[in-house]
Amino acid sequence: MSEATIFIKEATNEKDIQEVEYLINQLEGVERVLIDTVDGEVKVEFDDQVVSKEDILSILKDNHYQI
């Protein structure tokens, strides 16, 4: 199990937080997503045998989130 911390500028309001959680959780291998609403810090626990940090970053960038 691996953990990644990502800062997403837009992840400070309810709509974007829900969308970020949805996008990341749809990836197979993601175990948990925690978002700090104050500063947009996103912690993701995932199985690195199934999904990579690059896969997570890619889906966020593809949906126009600034990492």
N, C-alpha and C. Protein backbone atom coordinates (compact mmCIF):
# COMPACT_ATOMS: atom_id res chain seq x y z
N MET A 1 0.85 -1.18 0.00
CA MET A 1 0.00 0.00 0.00
C MET A 1 0.89 1.24 0.00
N SER A 2 0.55 2.19 -0.85
CA SER A 2 1.29 3.44 -0.94
C SER A 2 0.38 4.60 -0.59
N GLU A 3 1.02 5.72 -0.30
CA GLU A 3 0.28 6.94 -0.01
C GLU A 3 0.91 8.09 -0.79
N ALA A 4 0.06 8.95 -1.34
CA ALA A 4 0.53 10.13 -2.06
C ALA A 4 -0.19 11.35 -1.53
N THR A 5 0.53 12.45 -1.44
CA THR A 5 -0.07 13.72 -1.06
C THR A 5 0.02 14.66 -2.26
N ILE A 6 -1.14 15.20 -2.61
CA ILE A 6 -1.25 16.07 -3.78
C ILE A 6 -1.95 17.34 -3.33
N PHE A 7 -1.50 18.48 -3.81
CA PHE A 7 -2.20 19.74 -3.51
C PHE A 7 -2.94 20.18 -4.77
N ILE A 8 -4.25 20.36 -4.61
CA ILE A 8 -5.09 20.78 -5.73
C ILE A 8 -5.72 22.11 -5.36
N LYS A 9 -5.35 23.12 -6.11
CA LYS A 9 -5.78 24.49 -5.83
C LYS A 9 -7.29 24.61 -5.69
N GLU A 10 -8.04 23.94 -6.57
CA GLU A 10 -9.49 24.08 -6.60
C GLU A 10 -10.23 23.24 -5.56
N ALA A 11 -9.56 22.37 -4.85
CA ALA A 11 -10.23 21.45 -3.93
C ALA A 11 -10.51 22.09 -2.57
N THR A 12 -11.14 23.23 -2.60
CA THR A 12 -11.47 23.92 -1.34
C THR A 12 -12.95 24.25 -1.23
N ASN A 13 -13.74 23.87 -2.24
CA ASN A 13 -15.19 24.07 -2.14
C ASN A 13 -15.88 22.72 -2.31
N GLU A 14 -17.10 22.63 -1.85
CA GLU A 14 -17.80 21.34 -1.79
C GLU A 14 -17.92 20.66 -3.15
N LYS A 15 -18.27 21.41 -4.18
CA LYS A 15 -18.47 20.82 -5.52
C LYS A 15 -17.17 20.18 -6.03
N ASP A 16 -16.08 20.93 -5.97
CA ASP A 16 -14.81 20.40 -6.47
C ASP A 16 -14.28 19.26 -5.60
N ILE A 17 -14.48 19.34 -4.30
CA ILE A 17 -14.04 18.27 -3.41
C ILE A 17 -14.75 16.97 -3.78
N GLN A 18 -16.07 17.04 -3.99
CA GLN A 18 -16.83 15.85 -4.36
C GLN A 18 -16.36 15.29 -5.70
N GLU A 19 -16.08 16.18 -6.65
CA GLU A 19 -15.64 15.71 -7.97
C GLU A 19 -14.25 15.07 -7.89
N VAL A 20 -13.35 15.67 -7.14
CA VAL A 20 -12.00 15.11 -6.99
C VAL A 20 -12.10 13.73 -6.33
N GLU A 21 -12.89 13.61 -5.27
CA GLU A 21 -13.07 12.32 -4.62
C GLU A 21 -13.62 11.29 -5.60
N TYR A 22 -14.63 11.67 -6.36
CA TYR A 22 -15.23 10.76 -7.33
C TYR A 22 -14.20 10.31 -8.37
N LEU A 23 -13.47 11.26 -8.94
CA LEU A 23 -12.50 10.94 -9.99
C LEU A 23 -11.44 9.96 -9.49
N ILE A 24 -10.91 10.24 -8.32
CA ILE A 24 -9.84 9.38 -7.79
C ILE A 24 -10.40 8.03 -7.38
N ASN A 25 -11.55 8.01 -6.72
CA ASN A 25 -12.13 6.75 -6.25
C ASN A 25 -12.55 5.82 -7.38
N GLN A 26 -12.76 6.35 -8.58
CA GLN A 26 -13.16 5.47 -9.68
C GLN A 26 -11.98 4.64 -10.21
N LEU A 27 -10.77 5.00 -9.83
CA LEU A 27 -9.60 4.25 -10.26
C LEU A 27 -9.48 2.97 -9.43
N GLU A 28 -9.32 1.86 -10.13
CA GLU A 28 -9.14 0.58 -9.44
C GLU A 28 -7.82 0.62 -8.67
N GLY A 29 -7.85 0.16 -7.43
CA GLY A 29 -6.66 0.14 -6.59
C GLY A 29 -6.61 1.26 -5.57
N VAL A 30 -7.49 2.25 -5.69
CA VAL A 30 -7.53 3.34 -4.72
C VAL A 30 -8.31 2.86 -3.50
N GLU A 31 -7.70 2.99 -2.33
CA GLU A 31 -8.32 2.54 -1.09
C GLU A 31 -9.05 3.66 -0.35
N ARG A 32 -8.41 4.85 -0.30
CA ARG A 32 -9.00 5.94 0.49
C ARG A 32 -8.51 7.28 -0.04
N VAL A 33 -9.42 8.28 0.02
CA VAL A 33 -9.10 9.64 -0.38
C VAL A 33 -9.53 10.57 0.75
N LEU A 34 -8.60 11.38 1.24
CA LEU A 34 -8.89 12.36 2.29
C LEU A 34 -8.50 13.74 1.76
N ILE A 35 -9.41 14.71 1.92
CA ILE A 35 -9.14 16.05 1.42
C ILE A 35 -9.26 17.07 2.54
N ASP A 36 -8.23 17.89 2.69
CA ASP A 36 -8.25 19.01 3.65
C ASP A 36 -8.86 20.20 2.92
N THR A 37 -10.03 20.61 3.35
CA THR A 37 -10.77 21.66 2.66
C THR A 37 -10.15 23.04 2.81
N VAL A 38 -9.24 23.20 3.74
CA VAL A 38 -8.63 24.51 3.95
C VAL A 38 -7.60 24.83 2.88
N ASP A 39 -6.73 23.87 2.59
CA ASP A 39 -5.63 24.15 1.66
C ASP A 39 -5.61 23.26 0.41
N GLY A 40 -6.61 22.40 0.24
CA GLY A 40 -6.67 21.56 -0.95
C GLY A 40 -5.70 20.39 -0.93
N GLU A 41 -5.23 20.01 0.25
CA GLU A 41 -4.32 18.87 0.36
C GLU A 41 -5.13 17.59 0.22
N VAL A 42 -4.70 16.73 -0.69
CA VAL A 42 -5.39 15.47 -0.96
C VAL A 42 -4.43 14.33 -0.63
N LYS A 43 -4.85 13.45 0.27
CA LYS A 43 -4.05 12.27 0.59
C LYS A 43 -4.77 11.06 0.01
N VAL A 44 -4.02 10.27 -0.74
CA VAL A 44 -4.60 9.11 -1.41
C VAL A 44 -3.82 7.87 -0.98
N GLU A 45 -4.55 6.87 -0.49
CA GLU A 45 -3.96 5.57 -0.20
C GLU A 45 -4.35 4.64 -1.34
N PHE A 46 -3.36 3.95 -1.91
CA PHE A 46 -3.63 3.12 -3.08
C PHE A 46 -2.69 1.94 -3.15
N ASP A 47 -3.11 0.93 -3.88
CA ASP A 47 -2.31 -0.26 -4.13
C ASP A 47 -1.44 0.03 -5.34
N ASP A 48 -0.15 0.20 -5.12
CA ASP A 48 0.75 0.57 -6.21
C ASP A 48 1.02 -0.58 -7.19
N GLN A 49 0.48 -1.75 -6.91
CA GLN A 49 0.55 -2.86 -7.88
C GLN A 49 -0.57 -2.73 -8.92
N VAL A 50 -1.59 -1.91 -8.60
CA VAL A 50 -2.76 -1.78 -9.47
C VAL A 50 -2.81 -0.42 -10.14
N VAL A 51 -2.48 0.64 -9.41
CA VAL A 51 -2.57 2.00 -9.92
C VAL A 51 -1.33 2.78 -9.45
N SER A 52 -0.88 3.71 -10.26
CA SER A 52 0.31 4.49 -9.89
C SER A 52 -0.09 5.93 -9.54
N LYS A 53 0.83 6.62 -8.90
CA LYS A 53 0.60 8.03 -8.61
C LYS A 53 0.42 8.81 -9.92
N GLU A 54 1.15 8.42 -10.93
CA GLU A 54 1.04 9.08 -12.24
C GLU A 54 -0.36 8.91 -12.83
N ASP A 55 -0.98 7.74 -12.61
CA ASP A 55 -2.36 7.51 -13.08
C ASP A 55 -3.32 8.47 -12.37
N ILE A 56 -3.11 8.66 -11.08
CA ILE A 56 -3.96 9.55 -10.29
C ILE A 56 -3.79 10.99 -10.76
N LEU A 57 -2.55 11.42 -10.93
CA LEU A 57 -2.29 12.77 -11.41
C LEU A 57 -2.86 12.98 -12.80
N SER A 58 -2.75 11.98 -13.64
CA SER A 58 -3.24 12.08 -15.01
C SER A 58 -4.75 12.30 -15.07
N ILE A 59 -5.51 11.56 -14.29
CA ILE A 59 -6.97 11.73 -14.32
C ILE A 59 -7.37 13.12 -13.81
N LEU A 60 -6.62 13.64 -12.85
CA LEU A 60 -6.92 14.98 -12.34
C LEU A 60 -6.58 16.04 -13.39
N LYS A 61 -5.43 15.91 -14.02
CA LYS A 61 -5.03 16.86 -15.07
C LYS A 61 -5.97 16.80 -16.26
N ASP A 62 -6.42 15.58 -16.62
CA ASP A 62 -7.35 15.42 -17.74
C ASP A 62 -8.68 16.12 -17.46
N ASN A 63 -9.00 16.33 -16.18
CA ASN A 63 -10.23 17.01 -15.79
C ASN A 63 -9.97 18.44 -15.36
N HIS A 64 -8.83 18.97 -15.79
CA HIS A 64 -8.49 20.40 -15.65
C HIS A 64 -8.26 20.87 -14.21
N TYR A 65 -7.76 19.97 -13.36
CA TYR A 65 -7.39 20.40 -12.01
C TYR A 65 -5.91 20.74 -12.01
N GLN A 66 -5.57 21.82 -11.31
CA GLN A 66 -4.18 22.27 -11.22
C GLN A 66 -3.51 21.58 -10.04
N ILE A 67 -2.47 20.85 -10.34
CA ILE A 67 -1.73 20.11 -9.31
C ILE A 67 -0.58 20.96 -8.84
